[in-house]
Amino acid sequence: MNINFTKYADGLVPAIVQDANTKTVLMLGFMNQAAIDATITGSKVTFFSRSKNRLWTKGEESGNFLQYIGMQVDCDNDTLLIQANPVGPVCHNGTDTCWGEANFPSNTAFLNQLEQVIAQRKTSAPESSYVASLFAKGVNKIAQKVGEEAVEMVIESKDNNEQLFLDESADLLFHYLILLQAKGFILEDVVKVLAKRRKP
């Protein structure tokens, strides 16, 4: 990774931290090569603190670490995008981002990642993956499984066990995503249909 540390007078580059699951921008910090090395080797996002004039691992005092997932440099080689999983609130004010809670998206962005995993496992060996084994059995078997999960979800909806209802709902959604891909679609295609139905 070629990073241009000479563009700014202090030899640091901006580092934007993004939630690896929701893609929400969490905070902005600054890094030098030592901070980058510490982040990669220590698996916790580490910055160069201009106020402390030293390396600073996010969460070293609060315990609210940013677990490092990955890093990219932009087209000008002078800004970093850090993918991380937050452990607790990110901001010192106790909010999930340094911009407060306004417009904070839900974790439904995780569905995009889940669809990518399903697509990857679609071509795996059936004996190595449950998803691959369903694809190997064909669309009729997948559709049958979606029907079974739907019935189980309906049954749980009639009881008062909220956790079982949520578990069955998750199972139904998971298998529905598999069925969509078996038919050559993704969830975004369904969303577009719903959007067209929305009345102005």
N, C-alpha and C. Protein backbone atom coordinates (compact mmCIF):
# COMPACT_ATOMS: atom_id res chain seq x y z
N MET A 1 0.84 -1.19 0.00
CA MET A 1 0.00 0.00 0.00
C MET A 1 0.88 1.24 0.00
N ASN A 2 0.74 2.05 -1.04
CA ASN A 2 1.57 3.24 -1.20
C ASN A 2 0.84 4.45 -0.62
N ILE A 3 1.35 4.98 0.49
CA ILE A 3 0.71 6.11 1.18
C ILE A 3 1.63 7.33 1.11
N ASN A 4 1.07 8.46 0.72
CA ASN A 4 1.84 9.70 0.61
C ASN A 4 1.74 10.47 1.92
N PHE A 5 2.80 10.38 2.73
CA PHE A 5 2.83 11.09 4.01
C PHE A 5 3.38 12.51 3.86
N THR A 6 3.75 12.91 2.67
CA THR A 6 4.41 14.21 2.48
C THR A 6 3.44 15.33 2.12
N LYS A 7 2.19 15.01 1.89
CA LYS A 7 1.24 16.02 1.43
C LYS A 7 0.94 17.05 2.52
N TYR A 8 0.91 16.59 3.77
CA TYR A 8 0.60 17.49 4.88
C TYR A 8 1.87 17.77 5.68
N ALA A 9 1.96 18.97 6.23
CA ALA A 9 3.19 19.42 6.87
C ALA A 9 3.58 18.56 8.07
N ASP A 10 2.59 17.99 8.78
CA ASP A 10 2.90 17.21 9.98
C ASP A 10 3.24 15.76 9.66
N GLY A 11 3.19 15.38 8.38
CA GLY A 11 3.55 14.01 8.00
C GLY A 11 2.51 12.98 8.35
N LEU A 12 1.29 13.42 8.65
CA LEU A 12 0.21 12.51 9.00
C LEU A 12 -0.81 12.47 7.87
N VAL A 13 -1.57 11.40 7.82
CA VAL A 13 -2.66 11.31 6.85
C VAL A 13 -3.97 11.10 7.59
N PRO A 14 -5.07 11.68 7.09
CA PRO A 14 -6.38 11.46 7.71
C PRO A 14 -6.79 9.99 7.58
N ALA A 15 -7.43 9.48 8.61
CA ALA A 15 -7.91 8.10 8.61
C ALA A 15 -9.39 8.10 9.01
N ILE A 16 -10.25 7.81 8.06
CA ILE A 16 -11.69 7.73 8.32
C ILE A 16 -12.02 6.31 8.77
N VAL A 17 -12.70 6.20 9.90
CA VAL A 17 -13.06 4.87 10.41
C VAL A 17 -14.52 4.60 10.11
N GLN A 18 -14.77 3.45 9.51
CA GLN A 18 -16.11 3.05 9.10
C GLN A 18 -16.49 1.73 9.75
N ASP A 19 -17.72 1.63 10.22
CA ASP A 19 -18.21 0.36 10.77
C ASP A 19 -18.19 -0.69 9.66
N ALA A 20 -17.52 -1.80 9.90
CA ALA A 20 -17.36 -2.82 8.87
C ALA A 20 -18.69 -3.46 8.48
N ASN A 21 -19.68 -3.43 9.37
CA ASN A 21 -20.97 -4.05 9.08
C ASN A 21 -21.98 -3.07 8.51
N THR A 22 -22.18 -1.94 9.18
CA THR A 22 -23.21 -0.99 8.76
C THR A 22 -22.71 0.02 7.75
N LYS A 23 -21.39 0.15 7.60
CA LYS A 23 -20.76 1.13 6.72
C LYS A 23 -20.94 2.56 7.21
N THR A 24 -21.34 2.72 8.46
CA THR A 24 -21.48 4.04 9.05
C THR A 24 -20.12 4.64 9.35
N VAL A 25 -19.92 5.93 9.03
CA VAL A 25 -18.68 6.61 9.38
C VAL A 25 -18.69 6.88 10.88
N LEU A 26 -17.67 6.41 11.57
CA LEU A 26 -17.64 6.48 13.03
C LEU A 26 -16.84 7.67 13.55
N MET A 27 -15.67 7.89 12.99
CA MET A 27 -14.80 8.95 13.48
C MET A 27 -13.69 9.24 12.48
N LEU A 28 -12.95 10.31 12.76
CA LEU A 28 -11.79 10.68 11.95
C LEU A 28 -10.59 10.81 12.86
N GLY A 29 -9.48 10.23 12.47
CA GLY A 29 -8.22 10.37 13.21
C GLY A 29 -7.09 10.59 12.23
N PHE A 30 -5.86 10.57 12.75
CA PHE A 30 -4.69 10.77 11.90
C PHE A 30 -3.68 9.66 12.18
N MET A 31 -2.98 9.27 11.14
CA MET A 31 -2.03 8.16 11.25
C MET A 31 -0.70 8.50 10.60
N ASN A 32 0.36 7.94 11.17
CA ASN A 32 1.64 7.87 10.50
C ASN A 32 1.94 6.38 10.27
N GLN A 33 3.10 6.07 9.74
CA GLN A 33 3.40 4.68 9.45
C GLN A 33 3.40 3.82 10.70
N ALA A 34 3.89 4.40 11.81
CA ALA A 34 3.94 3.64 13.07
C ALA A 34 2.54 3.29 13.55
N ALA A 35 1.60 4.22 13.38
CA ALA A 35 0.21 3.96 13.79
C ALA A 35 -0.42 2.88 12.92
N ILE A 36 -0.11 2.91 11.64
CA ILE A 36 -0.62 1.89 10.73
C ILE A 36 -0.07 0.52 11.10
N ASP A 37 1.22 0.46 11.37
CA ASP A 37 1.84 -0.81 11.75
C ASP A 37 1.25 -1.34 13.05
N ALA A 38 1.03 -0.44 14.03
CA ALA A 38 0.47 -0.85 15.32
C ALA A 38 -0.96 -1.35 15.15
N THR A 39 -1.70 -0.71 14.25
CA THR A 39 -3.09 -1.11 14.00
C THR A 39 -3.15 -2.51 13.40
N ILE A 40 -2.31 -2.75 12.42
CA ILE A 40 -2.33 -4.04 11.73
C ILE A 40 -1.85 -5.17 12.63
N THR A 41 -0.77 -4.92 13.36
CA THR A 41 -0.20 -5.98 14.19
C THR A 41 -0.98 -6.19 15.48
N GLY A 42 -1.57 -5.12 16.01
CA GLY A 42 -2.29 -5.23 17.28
C GLY A 42 -3.78 -5.48 17.15
N SER A 43 -4.30 -5.36 15.92
CA SER A 43 -5.73 -5.61 15.63
C SER A 43 -6.67 -4.62 16.32
N LYS A 44 -6.13 -3.52 16.82
CA LYS A 44 -6.94 -2.44 17.37
C LYS A 44 -6.52 -1.14 16.68
N VAL A 45 -7.49 -0.35 16.26
CA VAL A 45 -7.18 0.87 15.51
C VAL A 45 -6.39 1.83 16.39
N THR A 46 -5.25 2.22 15.88
CA THR A 46 -4.32 3.10 16.62
C THR A 46 -4.01 4.32 15.77
N PHE A 47 -4.06 5.48 16.38
CA PHE A 47 -3.80 6.74 15.69
C PHE A 47 -2.52 7.37 16.23
N PHE A 48 -2.09 8.44 15.56
CA PHE A 48 -1.09 9.31 16.16
C PHE A 48 -1.84 10.51 16.71
N SER A 49 -1.82 10.66 18.02
CA SER A 49 -2.53 11.76 18.67
C SER A 49 -1.70 13.03 18.59
N ARG A 50 -2.25 14.05 17.96
CA ARG A 50 -1.54 15.32 17.86
C ARG A 50 -1.52 16.05 19.19
N SER A 51 -2.54 15.86 20.02
CA SER A 51 -2.56 16.52 21.32
C SER A 51 -1.62 15.84 22.32
N LYS A 52 -1.53 14.50 22.25
CA LYS A 52 -0.64 13.76 23.15
C LYS A 52 0.76 13.61 22.57
N ASN A 53 0.88 13.85 21.26
CA ASN A 53 2.15 13.71 20.55
C ASN A 53 2.74 12.31 20.70
N ARG A 54 1.86 11.32 20.54
CA ARG A 54 2.29 9.92 20.64
C ARG A 54 1.24 9.03 19.99
N LEU A 55 1.59 7.74 19.83
CA LEU A 55 0.60 6.78 19.35
C LEU A 55 -0.50 6.62 20.40
N TRP A 56 -1.73 6.52 19.93
CA TRP A 56 -2.87 6.41 20.82
C TRP A 56 -3.84 5.38 20.26
N THR A 57 -4.06 4.31 21.01
CA THR A 57 -5.01 3.28 20.61
C THR A 57 -6.40 3.68 21.08
N LYS A 58 -7.32 3.78 20.15
CA LYS A 58 -8.69 4.15 20.51
C LYS A 58 -9.23 3.15 21.52
N GLY A 59 -9.68 3.66 22.67
CA GLY A 59 -10.23 2.80 23.71
C GLY A 59 -9.24 2.38 24.77
N GLU A 60 -8.01 2.89 24.69
CA GLU A 60 -6.99 2.44 25.66
C GLU A 60 -7.35 2.84 27.09
N GLU A 61 -8.18 3.86 27.26
CA GLU A 61 -8.63 4.25 28.60
C GLU A 61 -10.07 3.81 28.86
N SER A 62 -10.93 3.96 27.87
CA SER A 62 -12.35 3.66 28.05
C SER A 62 -12.68 2.18 27.87
N GLY A 63 -11.84 1.47 27.12
CA GLY A 63 -12.15 0.08 26.78
C GLY A 63 -13.01 -0.05 25.54
N ASN A 64 -13.40 1.09 24.96
CA ASN A 64 -14.23 1.09 23.75
C ASN A 64 -13.33 1.04 22.51
N PHE A 65 -12.75 -0.11 22.27
CA PHE A 65 -11.79 -0.28 21.18
C PHE A 65 -12.50 -0.33 19.83
N LEU A 66 -11.71 -0.15 18.79
CA LEU A 66 -12.13 -0.38 17.42
C LEU A 66 -11.34 -1.58 16.90
N GLN A 67 -12.00 -2.71 16.76
CA GLN A 67 -11.33 -3.91 16.28
C GLN A 67 -11.07 -3.78 14.78
N TYR A 68 -9.80 -3.83 14.42
CA TYR A 68 -9.38 -3.60 13.04
C TYR A 68 -9.80 -4.74 12.12
N ILE A 69 -10.40 -4.39 10.97
CA ILE A 69 -10.81 -5.37 9.97
C ILE A 69 -10.00 -5.22 8.68
N GLY A 70 -9.88 -3.99 8.20
CA GLY A 70 -9.15 -3.79 6.96
C GLY A 70 -8.87 -2.32 6.71
N MET A 71 -8.09 -2.05 5.66
CA MET A 71 -7.65 -0.67 5.38
C MET A 71 -7.49 -0.47 3.88
N GLN A 72 -7.90 0.71 3.41
CA GLN A 72 -7.72 1.09 2.01
C GLN A 72 -7.18 2.51 1.94
N VAL A 73 -6.44 2.79 0.88
CA VAL A 73 -5.96 4.15 0.64
C VAL A 73 -6.72 4.70 -0.57
N ASP A 74 -7.00 6.00 -0.56
CA ASP A 74 -7.79 6.58 -1.64
C ASP A 74 -6.96 6.76 -2.91
N CYS A 75 -7.61 7.32 -3.95
CA CYS A 75 -6.97 7.43 -5.26
C CYS A 75 -5.78 8.38 -5.27
N ASP A 76 -5.72 9.31 -4.30
CA ASP A 76 -4.59 10.24 -4.22
C ASP A 76 -3.51 9.76 -3.26
N ASN A 77 -3.72 8.59 -2.67
CA ASN A 77 -2.76 7.99 -1.74
C ASN A 77 -2.50 8.84 -0.50
N ASP A 78 -3.48 9.66 -0.10
CA ASP A 78 -3.23 10.52 1.05
C ASP A 78 -4.34 10.50 2.10
N THR A 79 -5.30 9.57 1.96
CA THR A 79 -6.36 9.42 2.94
C THR A 79 -6.68 7.94 3.09
N LEU A 80 -6.86 7.50 4.34
CA LEU A 80 -7.13 6.10 4.62
C LEU A 80 -8.60 5.88 4.97
N LEU A 81 -9.11 4.73 4.59
CA LEU A 81 -10.42 4.29 5.02
C LEU A 81 -10.22 3.01 5.82
N ILE A 82 -10.57 3.07 7.11
CA ILE A 82 -10.37 1.94 8.01
C ILE A 82 -11.71 1.25 8.25
N GLN A 83 -11.74 -0.05 8.04
CA GLN A 83 -12.91 -0.85 8.38
C GLN A 83 -12.68 -1.45 9.77
N ALA A 84 -13.66 -1.26 10.66
CA ALA A 84 -13.49 -1.74 12.03
C ALA A 84 -14.82 -2.14 12.64
N ASN A 85 -14.75 -2.97 13.66
CA ASN A 85 -15.93 -3.31 14.46
C ASN A 85 -15.82 -2.60 15.80
N PRO A 86 -16.73 -1.68 16.10
CA PRO A 86 -16.64 -0.94 17.36
C PRO A 86 -17.04 -1.80 18.55
N VAL A 87 -16.31 -1.64 19.65
CA VAL A 87 -16.64 -2.29 20.91
C VAL A 87 -17.10 -1.20 21.87
N GLY A 88 -18.38 -0.96 21.91
CA GLY A 88 -18.91 0.11 22.73
C GLY A 88 -19.01 1.41 21.95
N PRO A 89 -19.46 2.48 22.62
CA PRO A 89 -19.59 3.80 21.96
C PRO A 89 -18.25 4.28 21.43
N VAL A 90 -18.27 4.94 20.29
CA VAL A 90 -17.04 5.43 19.68
C VAL A 90 -16.65 6.80 20.21
N CYS A 91 -17.63 7.68 20.36
CA CYS A 91 -17.34 9.05 20.78
C CYS A 91 -17.17 9.16 22.29
N HIS A 92 -16.31 10.09 22.73
CA HIS A 92 -16.13 10.30 24.17
C HIS A 92 -17.39 10.85 24.83
N ASN A 93 -18.36 11.31 24.01
CA ASN A 93 -19.64 11.77 24.55
C ASN A 93 -20.62 10.63 24.77
N GLY A 94 -20.19 9.42 24.43
CA GLY A 94 -21.03 8.25 24.67
C GLY A 94 -21.93 7.86 23.52
N THR A 95 -21.79 8.51 22.37
CA THR A 95 -22.60 8.18 21.21
C THR A 95 -21.86 7.19 20.31
N ASP A 96 -22.62 6.59 19.39
CA ASP A 96 -22.05 5.56 18.52
C ASP A 96 -21.08 6.12 17.50
N THR A 97 -21.24 7.40 17.15
CA THR A 97 -20.33 8.04 16.21
C THR A 97 -19.96 9.41 16.76
N CYS A 98 -18.94 10.01 16.19
CA CYS A 98 -18.53 11.35 16.61
C CYS A 98 -19.46 12.43 16.06
N TRP A 99 -20.49 12.01 15.34
CA TRP A 99 -21.51 12.94 14.84
C TRP A 99 -22.84 12.71 15.55
N GLY A 100 -22.79 12.05 16.69
CA GLY A 100 -24.00 11.79 17.45
C GLY A 100 -24.78 10.63 16.87
N GLU A 101 -26.06 10.58 17.21
CA GLU A 101 -26.91 9.47 16.77
C GLU A 101 -27.76 9.83 15.57
N ALA A 102 -27.76 11.09 15.15
CA ALA A 102 -28.63 11.51 14.05
C ALA A 102 -28.29 10.76 12.77
N ASN A 103 -29.31 10.29 12.10
CA ASN A 103 -29.16 9.59 10.82
C ASN A 103 -28.32 8.32 10.91
N PHE A 104 -28.24 7.77 12.11
CA PHE A 104 -27.46 6.53 12.28
C PHE A 104 -28.26 5.37 11.70
N PRO A 105 -27.73 4.69 10.68
CA PRO A 105 -28.51 3.64 10.02
C PRO A 105 -28.63 2.38 10.87
N SER A 106 -29.59 1.58 10.55
CA SER A 106 -29.74 0.32 11.27
C SER A 106 -28.74 -0.69 10.73
N ASN A 107 -28.72 -1.84 11.40
CA ASN A 107 -27.78 -2.87 10.98
C ASN A 107 -28.26 -3.64 9.77
N THR A 108 -29.32 -3.13 9.10
CA THR A 108 -29.79 -3.83 7.90
C THR A 108 -28.74 -3.83 6.80
N ALA A 109 -27.75 -2.94 6.90
CA ALA A 109 -26.66 -2.97 5.92
C ALA A 109 -25.91 -4.29 5.99
N PHE A 110 -26.03 -4.99 7.13
CA PHE A 110 -25.40 -6.30 7.28
C PHE A 110 -25.98 -7.29 6.27
N LEU A 111 -27.21 -7.05 5.84
CA LEU A 111 -27.82 -7.96 4.87
C LEU A 111 -27.04 -7.98 3.56
N ASN A 112 -26.45 -6.85 3.21
CA ASN A 112 -25.64 -6.81 1.99
C ASN A 112 -24.45 -7.75 2.11
N GLN A 113 -23.83 -7.75 3.29
CA GLN A 113 -22.69 -8.65 3.51
C GLN A 113 -23.15 -10.10 3.49
N LEU A 114 -24.31 -10.35 4.10
CA LEU A 114 -24.83 -11.71 4.13
C LEU A 114 -25.10 -12.22 2.73
N GLU A 115 -25.63 -11.36 1.87
CA GLU A 115 -25.88 -11.76 0.49
C GLU A 115 -24.57 -12.09 -0.23
N GLN A 116 -23.52 -11.36 0.08
CA GLN A 116 -22.22 -11.64 -0.53
C GLN A 116 -21.70 -13.00 -0.09
N VAL A 117 -21.89 -13.32 1.19
CA VAL A 117 -21.46 -14.63 1.70
C VAL A 117 -22.25 -15.74 1.01
N ILE A 118 -23.55 -15.54 0.87
CA ILE A 118 -24.39 -16.55 0.20
C ILE A 118 -23.90 -16.75 -1.24
N ALA A 119 -23.59 -15.65 -1.93
CA ALA A 119 -23.12 -15.75 -3.31
C ALA A 119 -21.80 -16.51 -3.39
N GLN A 120 -20.92 -16.29 -2.42
CA GLN A 120 -19.62 -16.98 -2.41
C GLN A 120 -19.80 -18.48 -2.17
N ARG A 121 -20.71 -18.81 -1.27
CA ARG A 121 -20.89 -20.22 -0.92
C ARG A 121 -21.75 -20.98 -1.92
N LYS A 122 -22.36 -20.25 -2.81
CA LYS A 122 -23.22 -20.86 -3.83
C LYS A 122 -22.45 -21.87 -4.67
N THR A 123 -21.18 -21.57 -4.91
CA THR A 123 -20.36 -22.44 -5.75
C THR A 123 -19.42 -23.34 -4.95
N SER A 124 -19.59 -23.36 -3.63
CA SER A 124 -18.75 -24.22 -2.79
C SER A 124 -19.18 -25.67 -2.92
N ALA A 125 -18.35 -26.56 -2.40
CA ALA A 125 -18.71 -27.97 -2.40
C ALA A 125 -19.88 -28.19 -1.44
N PRO A 126 -20.91 -28.90 -1.86
CA PRO A 126 -22.11 -29.10 -1.03
C PRO A 126 -21.81 -29.66 0.36
N GLU A 127 -20.79 -30.51 0.45
CA GLU A 127 -20.48 -31.12 1.74
C GLU A 127 -19.76 -30.16 2.69
N SER A 128 -19.32 -29.01 2.17
CA SER A 128 -18.57 -28.07 2.99
C SER A 128 -19.40 -26.90 3.49
N SER A 129 -20.63 -26.76 2.98
CA SER A 129 -21.43 -25.59 3.30
C SER A 129 -22.91 -25.93 3.25
N TYR A 130 -23.64 -25.51 4.28
CA TYR A 130 -25.09 -25.71 4.30
C TYR A 130 -25.75 -24.97 3.14
N VAL A 131 -25.30 -23.74 2.89
CA VAL A 131 -25.85 -22.95 1.80
C VAL A 131 -25.61 -23.65 0.46
N ALA A 132 -24.39 -24.12 0.27
CA ALA A 132 -24.06 -24.81 -0.98
C ALA A 132 -24.89 -26.08 -1.14
N SER A 133 -25.15 -26.77 -0.04
CA SER A 133 -25.95 -28.00 -0.12
C SER A 133 -27.38 -27.70 -0.55
N LEU A 134 -27.93 -26.55 -0.11
CA LEU A 134 -29.27 -26.17 -0.55
C LEU A 134 -29.29 -25.86 -2.04
N PHE A 135 -28.29 -25.09 -2.50
CA PHE A 135 -28.22 -24.78 -3.93
C PHE A 135 -28.10 -26.05 -4.76
N ALA A 136 -27.35 -27.02 -4.25
CA ALA A 136 -27.15 -28.26 -4.99
C ALA A 136 -28.46 -29.04 -5.14
N LYS A 137 -29.39 -28.87 -4.19
CA LYS A 137 -30.66 -29.59 -4.23
C LYS A 137 -31.67 -28.93 -5.15
N GLY A 138 -31.40 -27.68 -5.55
CA GLY A 138 -32.27 -27.03 -6.52
C GLY A 138 -33.27 -26.07 -5.90
N VAL A 139 -33.89 -25.28 -6.78
CA VAL A 139 -34.77 -24.21 -6.32
C VAL A 139 -36.02 -24.74 -5.62
N ASN A 140 -36.53 -25.92 -6.04
CA ASN A 140 -37.72 -26.47 -5.41
C ASN A 140 -37.48 -26.80 -3.94
N LYS A 141 -36.32 -27.36 -3.64
CA LYS A 141 -35.98 -27.70 -2.26
C LYS A 141 -35.79 -26.42 -1.44
N ILE A 142 -35.17 -25.40 -2.05
CA ILE A 142 -34.98 -24.14 -1.34
C ILE A 142 -36.33 -23.49 -1.04
N ALA A 143 -37.24 -23.50 -2.03
CA ALA A 143 -38.57 -22.94 -1.84
C ALA A 143 -39.33 -23.68 -0.75
N GLN A 144 -39.18 -24.99 -0.72
CA GLN A 144 -39.82 -25.79 0.33
C GLN A 144 -39.30 -25.40 1.71
N LYS A 145 -37.98 -25.17 1.79
CA LYS A 145 -37.38 -24.78 3.07
C LYS A 145 -37.90 -23.41 3.51
N VAL A 146 -38.07 -22.49 2.57
CA VAL A 146 -38.62 -21.17 2.90
C VAL A 146 -40.04 -21.34 3.44
N GLY A 147 -40.82 -22.21 2.82
CA GLY A 147 -42.18 -22.46 3.30
C GLY A 147 -42.19 -23.02 4.71
N GLU A 148 -41.29 -23.96 4.99
CA GLU A 148 -41.21 -24.54 6.33
C GLU A 148 -40.86 -23.48 7.37
N GLU A 149 -39.89 -22.62 7.03
CA GLU A 149 -39.48 -21.58 7.97
C GLU A 149 -40.60 -20.56 8.19
N ALA A 150 -41.38 -20.29 7.13
CA ALA A 150 -42.50 -19.35 7.25
C ALA A 150 -43.55 -19.90 8.21
N VAL A 151 -43.85 -21.19 8.09
CA VAL A 151 -44.83 -21.82 8.99
C VAL A 151 -44.35 -21.76 10.43
N GLU A 152 -43.06 -22.06 10.65
CA GLU A 152 -42.51 -22.04 12.00
C GLU A 152 -42.56 -20.63 12.58
N MET A 153 -42.32 -19.63 11.74
CA MET A 153 -42.38 -18.25 12.22
C MET A 153 -43.81 -17.87 12.60
N VAL A 154 -44.78 -18.29 11.79
CA VAL A 154 -46.18 -18.00 12.08
C VAL A 154 -46.60 -18.67 13.40
N ILE A 155 -46.18 -19.90 13.60
CA ILE A 155 -46.51 -20.62 14.84
C ILE A 155 -45.96 -19.87 16.06
N GLU A 156 -44.70 -19.43 15.96
CA GLU A 156 -44.09 -18.72 17.09
C GLU A 156 -44.73 -17.36 17.31
N SER A 157 -45.31 -16.77 16.26
CA SER A 157 -45.94 -15.46 16.41
C SER A 157 -47.19 -15.55 17.29
N LYS A 158 -47.76 -16.73 17.42
CA LYS A 158 -48.96 -16.91 18.22
C LYS A 158 -48.66 -17.11 19.70
N ASP A 159 -47.39 -17.32 20.03
CA ASP A 159 -46.98 -17.47 21.43
C ASP A 159 -46.36 -16.18 21.93
N ASN A 160 -45.92 -16.20 23.16
CA ASN A 160 -45.36 -14.99 23.78
C ASN A 160 -43.85 -15.04 23.96
N ASN A 161 -43.20 -16.03 23.33
CA ASN A 161 -41.73 -16.12 23.44
C ASN A 161 -41.11 -15.26 22.34
N GLU A 162 -40.73 -14.05 22.71
CA GLU A 162 -40.22 -13.10 21.71
C GLU A 162 -38.93 -13.58 21.06
N GLN A 163 -38.05 -14.23 21.84
CA GLN A 163 -36.78 -14.67 21.29
C GLN A 163 -36.96 -15.76 20.24
N LEU A 164 -37.87 -16.71 20.52
CA LEU A 164 -38.13 -17.76 19.53
C LEU A 164 -38.73 -17.18 18.26
N PHE A 165 -39.60 -16.18 18.42
CA PHE A 165 -40.19 -15.53 17.24
C PHE A 165 -39.12 -14.85 16.41
N LEU A 166 -38.19 -14.15 17.07
CA LEU A 166 -37.10 -13.49 16.35
C LEU A 166 -36.18 -14.50 15.70
N ASP A 167 -35.91 -15.59 16.39
CA ASP A 167 -35.05 -16.63 15.82
C ASP A 167 -35.66 -17.21 14.55
N GLU A 168 -36.94 -17.51 14.60
CA GLU A 168 -37.61 -18.07 13.42
C GLU A 168 -37.71 -17.04 12.30
N SER A 169 -37.89 -15.76 12.67
CA SER A 169 -37.93 -14.70 11.67
C SER A 169 -36.59 -14.59 10.96
N ALA A 170 -35.50 -14.71 11.72
CA ALA A 170 -34.15 -14.66 11.14
C ALA A 170 -33.93 -15.85 10.20
N ASP A 171 -34.39 -17.03 10.62
CA ASP A 171 -34.25 -18.22 9.78
C ASP A 171 -35.01 -18.04 8.46
N LEU A 172 -36.21 -17.46 8.55
CA LEU A 172 -37.02 -17.24 7.35
C LEU A 172 -36.33 -16.26 6.41
N LEU A 173 -35.83 -15.16 6.95
CA LEU A 173 -35.17 -14.16 6.11
C LEU A 173 -33.92 -14.73 5.45
N PHE A 174 -33.14 -15.50 6.21
CA PHE A 174 -31.93 -16.10 5.69
C PHE A 174 -32.23 -17.01 4.49
N HIS A 175 -33.23 -17.86 4.65
CA HIS A 175 -33.55 -18.79 3.57
C HIS A 175 -34.22 -18.07 2.39
N TYR A 176 -34.92 -16.98 2.68
CA TYR A 176 -35.50 -16.18 1.60
C TYR A 176 -34.41 -15.55 0.74
N LEU A 177 -33.33 -15.08 1.39
CA LEU A 177 -32.21 -14.52 0.64
C LEU A 177 -31.57 -15.58 -0.26
N ILE A 178 -31.52 -16.81 0.23
CA ILE A 178 -30.99 -17.90 -0.58
C ILE A 178 -31.90 -18.16 -1.78
N LEU A 179 -33.21 -18.17 -1.55
CA LEU A 179 -34.17 -18.40 -2.64
C LEU A 179 -34.07 -17.29 -3.68
N LEU A 180 -33.92 -16.05 -3.24
CA LEU A 180 -33.77 -14.95 -4.19
C LEU A 180 -32.59 -15.20 -5.13
N GLN A 181 -31.46 -15.59 -4.56
CA GLN A 181 -30.28 -15.81 -5.40
C GLN A 181 -30.44 -17.04 -6.28
N ALA A 182 -31.18 -18.03 -5.80
CA ALA A 182 -31.44 -19.21 -6.63
C ALA A 182 -32.26 -18.82 -7.86
N LYS A 183 -33.06 -17.76 -7.73
CA LYS A 183 -33.88 -17.28 -8.84
C LYS A 183 -33.18 -16.17 -9.63
N GLY A 184 -31.93 -15.84 -9.23
CA GLY A 184 -31.17 -14.85 -9.96
C GLY A 184 -31.38 -13.42 -9.50
N PHE A 185 -31.88 -13.23 -8.28
CA PHE A 185 -32.14 -11.89 -7.77
C PHE A 185 -31.42 -11.67 -6.45
N ILE A 186 -31.43 -10.40 -6.01
CA ILE A 186 -30.95 -10.04 -4.68
C ILE A 186 -32.03 -9.18 -4.02
N LEU A 187 -31.86 -8.90 -2.75
CA LEU A 187 -32.87 -8.17 -1.99
C LEU A 187 -33.14 -6.78 -2.59
N GLU A 188 -32.13 -6.17 -3.16
CA GLU A 188 -32.29 -4.85 -3.77
C GLU A 188 -33.34 -4.86 -4.88
N ASP A 189 -33.46 -5.97 -5.59
CA ASP A 189 -34.47 -6.08 -6.65
C ASP A 189 -35.87 -6.01 -6.05
N VAL A 190 -36.05 -6.61 -4.89
CA VAL A 190 -37.35 -6.57 -4.22
C VAL A 190 -37.64 -5.17 -3.70
N VAL A 191 -36.61 -4.53 -3.17
CA VAL A 191 -36.76 -3.17 -2.66
C VAL A 191 -37.20 -2.22 -3.76
N LYS A 192 -36.66 -2.40 -4.95
CA LYS A 192 -37.03 -1.55 -6.08
C LYS A 192 -38.50 -1.71 -6.43
N VAL A 193 -39.00 -2.94 -6.33
CA VAL A 193 -40.42 -3.17 -6.60
C VAL A 193 -41.28 -2.46 -5.56
N LEU A 194 -40.88 -2.56 -4.30
CA LEU A 194 -41.62 -1.89 -3.23
C LEU A 194 -41.59 -0.37 -3.42
N ALA A 195 -40.45 0.14 -3.84
CA ALA A 195 -40.31 1.59 -4.03
C ALA A 195 -41.24 2.07 -5.13
N LYS A 196 -41.40 1.27 -6.18
CA LYS A 196 -42.29 1.65 -7.28
C LYS A 196 -43.75 1.68 -6.83
N ARG A 197 -44.05 0.86 -5.84
CA ARG A 197 -45.43 0.79 -5.35
C ARG A 197 -45.78 1.95 -4.43
N ARG A 198 -44.77 2.63 -3.93
CA ARG A 198 -45.02 3.71 -2.98
C ARG A 198 -45.76 4.86 -3.66
N LYS A 199 -46.83 5.28 -3.05
CA LYS A 199 -47.61 6.38 -3.61
C LYS A 199 -46.96 7.72 -3.25
N PRO A 200 -46.96 8.69 -4.17
CA PRO A 200 -46.33 9.97 -3.90
C PRO A 200 -47.08 10.75 -2.82
